[in-house]
Amino acid sequence: MPDDGDEVFQRMFADPAMVEHYTQGPPRFTPGLDALQRMAAILLAEYAPADAHVLVLGAGGGLELRSMAQAQPGWRFTGVDPAQPMLDLAVRTMGDYAPRATMVHGTIDAAPVGPFDAATCLLTLHFLPRGARVDTLRHLHRRLTPGAPLVVAHSSFPQHEPDRSRWLQRYAAFAVASGVDPETAEQARAAVSTTVSVLTPDDDEACLREAGFHTVEMFYAAFTWRGWSARA
């Protein structure tokens, strides 16, 4: 996370009221979130075996864990997140699928060394400044078997003006169109503008390659969001 926003996000993801309603939020701010999660499972399954062990970085909330568990009955998961309340929520979100997941409280440094057959990092990397982002991706790379797939998706859009402001306005407008209160949407827009480390799509792809990944392909683009698949 950015240094000036670290405490903000730590407080947010530790707030019981926010955690209680968290699973309602991402679909309202991320166009096609359900489809994104289904596509992630499809992309991983192109190279991951039927009994894959999947590393899920930023697993708090459990939405992608539940989606992948439903899609692939033979997969098991290790979910990693720095917010324990969010990991607790992930267990509740997974419901009957929860026994197939092991939850680890911490950052990527706390994750087991693996090797894992696949990995995801959804709606997470934009909390990290560029240097920490590349370092995190390198840690992910080291924990994957050679050729294993990775799927990432997060905020990524042009950073020069006036384009940057226009995309941020679209981010807020989509949230309002999805039922978010306009004041809340504006607060979210301002938070993204001032405390989230957003890179351009080209730079995000460069980060993946710097970390050692190859076959980097964009598969998802929706307003301020982008998603890529890559291989270790």
Protein backbone atom coordinates (compact mmCIF):
# COMPACT_ATOMS: atom_id res chain seq x y z
CA MET A 1 0.00 0.00 0.00
CA PRO A 2 1.16 3.58 -0.43
CA ASP A 3 2.83 4.95 2.67
CA ASP A 4 0.28 7.76 3.04
CA GLY A 5 -2.67 5.41 2.62
CA ASP A 6 -1.47 2.40 4.59
CA GLU A 7 -3.17 3.34 7.85
CA VAL A 8 -6.35 4.33 6.01
CA PHE A 9 -6.73 0.93 4.39
CA GLN A 10 -5.69 -0.98 7.50
CA ARG A 11 -8.43 0.79 9.47
CA MET A 12 -10.95 0.24 6.69
CA PHE A 13 -10.38 -3.52 6.46
CA ALA A 14 -10.46 -3.86 10.25
CA ASP A 15 -13.76 -1.94 10.62
CA PRO A 16 -16.45 -4.47 11.63
CA ALA A 17 -19.20 -2.51 9.87
CA MET A 18 -17.23 -2.37 6.62
CA VAL A 19 -16.30 -6.05 6.82
CA GLU A 20 -19.92 -7.06 7.48
CA HIS A 21 -21.07 -5.46 4.21
CA TYR A 22 -17.88 -5.91 2.18
CA THR A 23 -19.16 -8.56 -0.24
CA GLN A 24 -21.86 -6.12 -1.43
CA GLY A 25 -19.29 -3.49 -2.42
CA PRO A 26 -16.94 -4.91 -5.09
CA PRO A 27 -19.71 -5.84 -7.57
CA ARG A 28 -20.97 -2.25 -7.44
CA PHE A 29 -17.58 -0.73 -8.19
CA THR A 30 -16.10 -3.40 -10.50
CA PRO A 31 -18.00 -3.96 -13.75
CA GLY A 32 -18.58 -7.64 -14.45
CA LEU A 33 -16.95 -8.90 -11.25
CA ASP A 34 -18.75 -12.25 -11.36
CA ALA A 35 -17.64 -12.76 -14.97
CA LEU A 36 -14.09 -11.72 -14.06
CA GLN A 37 -13.95 -14.40 -11.38
CA ARG A 38 -15.31 -17.05 -13.74
CA MET A 39 -12.80 -16.06 -16.41
CA ALA A 40 -9.99 -16.28 -13.85
CA ALA A 41 -10.90 -19.89 -13.08
CA ILE A 42 -11.07 -20.72 -16.81
CA LEU A 43 -7.64 -19.20 -17.45
CA LEU A 44 -6.05 -21.02 -14.52
CA ALA A 45 -7.60 -24.31 -15.62
CA GLU A 46 -5.84 -24.06 -18.99
CA TYR A 47 -2.59 -25.05 -17.26
CA ALA A 48 -3.46 -26.07 -13.70
CA PRO A 49 -4.24 -29.75 -13.00
CA ALA A 50 -7.62 -30.99 -11.79
CA ASP A 51 -6.20 -31.35 -8.26
CA ALA A 52 -4.37 -27.99 -8.27
CA HIS A 53 -3.23 -26.18 -5.16
CA VAL A 54 -3.98 -22.50 -5.82
CA LEU A 55 -2.42 -19.54 -3.99
CA VAL A 56 -4.90 -16.67 -3.61
CA LEU A 57 -3.21 -13.42 -2.57
CA GLY A 58 -5.62 -10.82 -1.23
CA ALA A 59 -8.15 -13.52 -0.36
CA GLY A 60 -10.11 -11.43 2.15
CA GLY A 61 -13.84 -11.51 1.59
CA GLY A 62 -13.69 -14.88 -0.14
CA LEU A 63 -15.58 -13.98 -3.32
CA GLU A 64 -13.00 -15.40 -5.74
CA LEU A 65 -12.32 -18.35 -3.46
CA ARG A 66 -15.98 -19.32 -3.55
CA SER A 67 -16.18 -18.81 -7.30
CA MET A 68 -13.14 -21.00 -8.02
CA ALA A 69 -14.23 -23.67 -5.55
CA GLN A 70 -17.59 -23.90 -7.29
CA ALA A 71 -15.96 -24.11 -10.72
CA GLN A 72 -13.26 -26.66 -9.83
CA PRO A 73 -14.29 -29.32 -7.30
CA GLY A 74 -10.78 -30.81 -7.16
CA TRP A 75 -8.87 -27.63 -6.36
CA ARG A 76 -7.67 -26.67 -2.89
CA PHE A 77 -6.57 -23.21 -1.86
CA THR A 78 -4.25 -21.21 0.36
CA GLY A 79 -5.68 -17.74 0.91
CA VAL A 80 -3.42 -14.93 2.15
CA ASP A 81 -4.55 -11.53 3.43
CA PRO A 82 -3.14 -8.95 5.89
CA ALA A 83 -6.56 -8.34 7.50
CA GLN A 84 -7.72 -11.10 9.83
CA PRO A 85 -11.36 -9.89 9.87
CA MET A 86 -11.39 -10.21 6.09
CA LEU A 87 -10.04 -13.75 6.28
CA ASP A 88 -12.76 -14.60 8.79
CA LEU A 89 -15.29 -13.21 6.33
CA ALA A 90 -13.75 -15.33 3.56
CA VAL A 91 -14.45 -18.47 5.59
CA ARG A 92 -18.08 -17.43 6.04
CA THR A 93 -18.41 -16.51 2.36
CA MET A 94 -17.07 -19.88 1.25
CA GLY A 95 -19.58 -21.73 3.39
CA ASP A 96 -19.46 -25.46 2.66
CA TYR A 97 -16.36 -24.94 0.49
CA ALA A 98 -14.31 -23.52 3.39
CA PRO A 99 -12.65 -26.85 4.37
CA ARG A 100 -10.82 -26.79 1.01
CA ALA A 101 -9.01 -23.55 1.94
CA THR A 102 -6.24 -22.75 4.39
CA MET A 103 -6.15 -19.11 5.48
CA VAL A 104 -2.88 -17.33 6.21
CA HIS A 105 -2.83 -13.98 7.99
CA GLY A 106 -0.15 -11.71 6.52
CA THR A 107 1.39 -10.51 3.28
CA ILE A 108 3.02 -12.61 0.57
CA ASP A 109 6.03 -13.09 2.87
CA ALA A 110 3.82 -15.18 5.16
CA ALA A 111 2.66 -17.49 2.38
CA PRO A 112 4.00 -21.04 2.24
CA VAL A 113 6.81 -21.57 -0.26
CA GLY A 114 4.70 -24.03 -2.24
CA PRO A 115 5.26 -24.78 -5.00
CA PHE A 116 1.71 -23.93 -6.09
CA ASP A 117 0.07 -24.96 -9.35
CA ALA A 118 -1.57 -21.57 -9.94
CA ALA A 119 -2.18 -18.20 -8.30
CA THR A 120 -4.55 -15.25 -8.36
CA CYS A 121 -4.36 -11.70 -7.06
CA LEU A 122 -7.64 -9.88 -7.69
CA LEU A 123 -8.51 -6.30 -6.66
CA THR A 124 -5.32 -6.09 -4.59
CA LEU A 125 -2.13 -4.98 -6.35
CA HIS A 126 -3.30 -1.38 -6.75
CA PHE A 127 -2.75 -0.97 -3.00
CA LEU A 128 1.01 -1.38 -3.55
CA PRO A 129 3.40 1.22 -4.97
CA ARG A 130 5.35 0.07 -8.00
CA GLY A 131 8.45 -1.21 -6.23
CA ALA A 132 6.49 -3.21 -3.69
CA ARG A 133 4.23 -4.47 -6.48
CA VAL A 134 7.14 -5.92 -8.43
CA ASP A 135 8.60 -7.42 -5.26
CA THR A 136 5.25 -9.05 -4.42
CA LEU A 137 4.99 -10.46 -7.94
CA ARG A 138 8.51 -11.87 -7.63
CA HIS A 139 7.50 -13.61 -4.41
CA LEU A 140 4.50 -15.05 -6.21
CA HIS A 141 6.70 -16.22 -9.08
CA ARG A 142 9.05 -18.04 -6.71
CA ARG A 143 6.11 -19.91 -5.18
CA LEU A 144 4.80 -21.26 -8.50
CA THR A 145 5.83 -24.32 -10.43
CA PRO A 146 7.51 -23.52 -13.78
CA GLY A 147 4.86 -22.59 -16.34
CA ALA A 148 2.11 -22.23 -13.73
CA PRO A 149 -0.59 -19.64 -14.49
CA LEU A 150 -1.18 -16.38 -12.65
CA VAL A 151 -4.25 -14.15 -13.00
CA VAL A 152 -4.25 -10.57 -11.68
CA ALA A 153 -6.83 -7.79 -11.94
CA HIS A 154 -6.89 -4.35 -10.36
CA SER A 155 -7.24 -0.62 -11.02
CA SER A 156 -5.17 0.38 -14.04
CA PHE A 157 -5.87 3.32 -16.34
CA PRO A 158 -4.15 6.34 -17.97
CA GLN A 159 -2.36 8.59 -15.50
CA HIS A 160 -1.98 11.79 -17.52
CA GLU A 161 -4.57 14.55 -17.38
CA PRO A 162 -7.27 15.11 -18.42
CA ASP A 163 -7.69 11.37 -19.05
CA ARG A 164 -6.98 10.37 -15.45
CA SER A 165 -9.76 12.54 -14.03
CA ARG A 166 -12.19 11.43 -16.73
CA TRP A 167 -11.66 7.75 -15.92
CA LEU A 168 -12.06 8.41 -12.20
CA GLN A 169 -15.37 10.15 -12.89
CA ARG A 170 -16.48 7.09 -14.85
CA TYR A 171 -15.49 4.90 -11.90
CA ALA A 172 -17.80 6.91 -9.64
CA ALA A 173 -20.58 7.07 -12.23
CA PHE A 174 -20.62 3.29 -12.59
CA ALA A 175 -20.91 2.92 -8.82
CA VAL A 176 -23.87 5.31 -8.73
CA ALA A 177 -25.50 3.46 -11.64
CA SER A 178 -25.04 0.25 -9.62
CA GLY A 179 -26.91 1.63 -6.63
CA VAL A 180 -24.15 3.29 -4.58
CA ASP A 181 -25.09 6.54 -2.86
CA PRO A 182 -23.55 9.46 -4.82
CA GLU A 183 -21.75 10.80 -1.74
CA THR A 184 -20.22 7.39 -1.04
CA ALA A 185 -19.20 7.04 -4.68
CA GLU A 186 -17.51 10.44 -4.58
CA GLN A 187 -15.65 9.49 -1.40
CA ALA A 188 -14.44 6.33 -3.13
CA ARG A 189 -13.35 8.30 -6.20
CA ALA A 190 -11.37 10.70 -4.00
CA ALA A 191 -9.77 7.80 -2.10
CA VAL A 192 -8.65 6.13 -5.32
CA SER A 193 -7.33 9.44 -6.62
CA THR A 194 -5.25 10.26 -3.55
CA THR A 195 -4.26 7.02 -1.80
CA VAL A 196 -4.22 4.18 -4.36
CA SER A 197 -1.07 3.50 -6.40
CA VAL A 198 -2.59 3.19 -9.85
CA LEU A 199 -0.27 2.48 -12.81
CA THR A 200 -0.97 2.60 -16.52
CA PRO A 201 -1.83 -0.71 -18.22
CA ASP A 202 1.52 -0.68 -20.04
CA ASP A 203 3.41 -0.25 -16.78
CA ASP A 204 1.37 -2.98 -15.09
CA GLU A 205 2.35 -5.39 -17.86
CA ALA A 206 5.97 -4.30 -17.42
CA CYS A 207 5.77 -5.14 -13.71
CA LEU A 208 4.69 -8.69 -14.50
CA ARG A 209 7.58 -9.17 -16.90
CA GLU A 210 10.11 -7.62 -14.49
CA ALA A 211 8.97 -10.15 -11.89
CA GLY A 212 9.80 -13.02 -14.24
CA PHE A 213 6.40 -13.82 -15.76
CA HIS A 214 5.97 -14.47 -19.47
CA THR A 215 3.08 -14.90 -21.90
CA VAL A 216 1.45 -11.81 -20.40
CA GLU A 217 -2.01 -11.29 -21.92
CA MET A 218 -4.72 -8.77 -21.07
CA PHE A 219 -8.09 -10.55 -20.89
CA TYR A 220 -10.26 -8.04 -19.03
CA ALA A 221 -10.87 -4.30 -19.42
CA ALA A 222 -13.79 -2.52 -17.78
CA PHE A 223 -13.62 1.24 -17.18
CA THR A 224 -10.79 1.72 -14.63
CA TRP A 225 -10.07 -2.00 -14.24
CA ARG A 226 -7.73 -4.30 -16.14
CA GLY A 227 -6.87 -7.98 -15.81
CA TRP A 228 -4.00 -10.09 -17.11
CA SER A 229 -3.03 -13.72 -17.29
CA ALA A 230 0.64 -14.74 -17.25
CA ARG A 231 2.81 -17.78 -16.68
CA ALA A 232 5.73 -18.37 -14.34
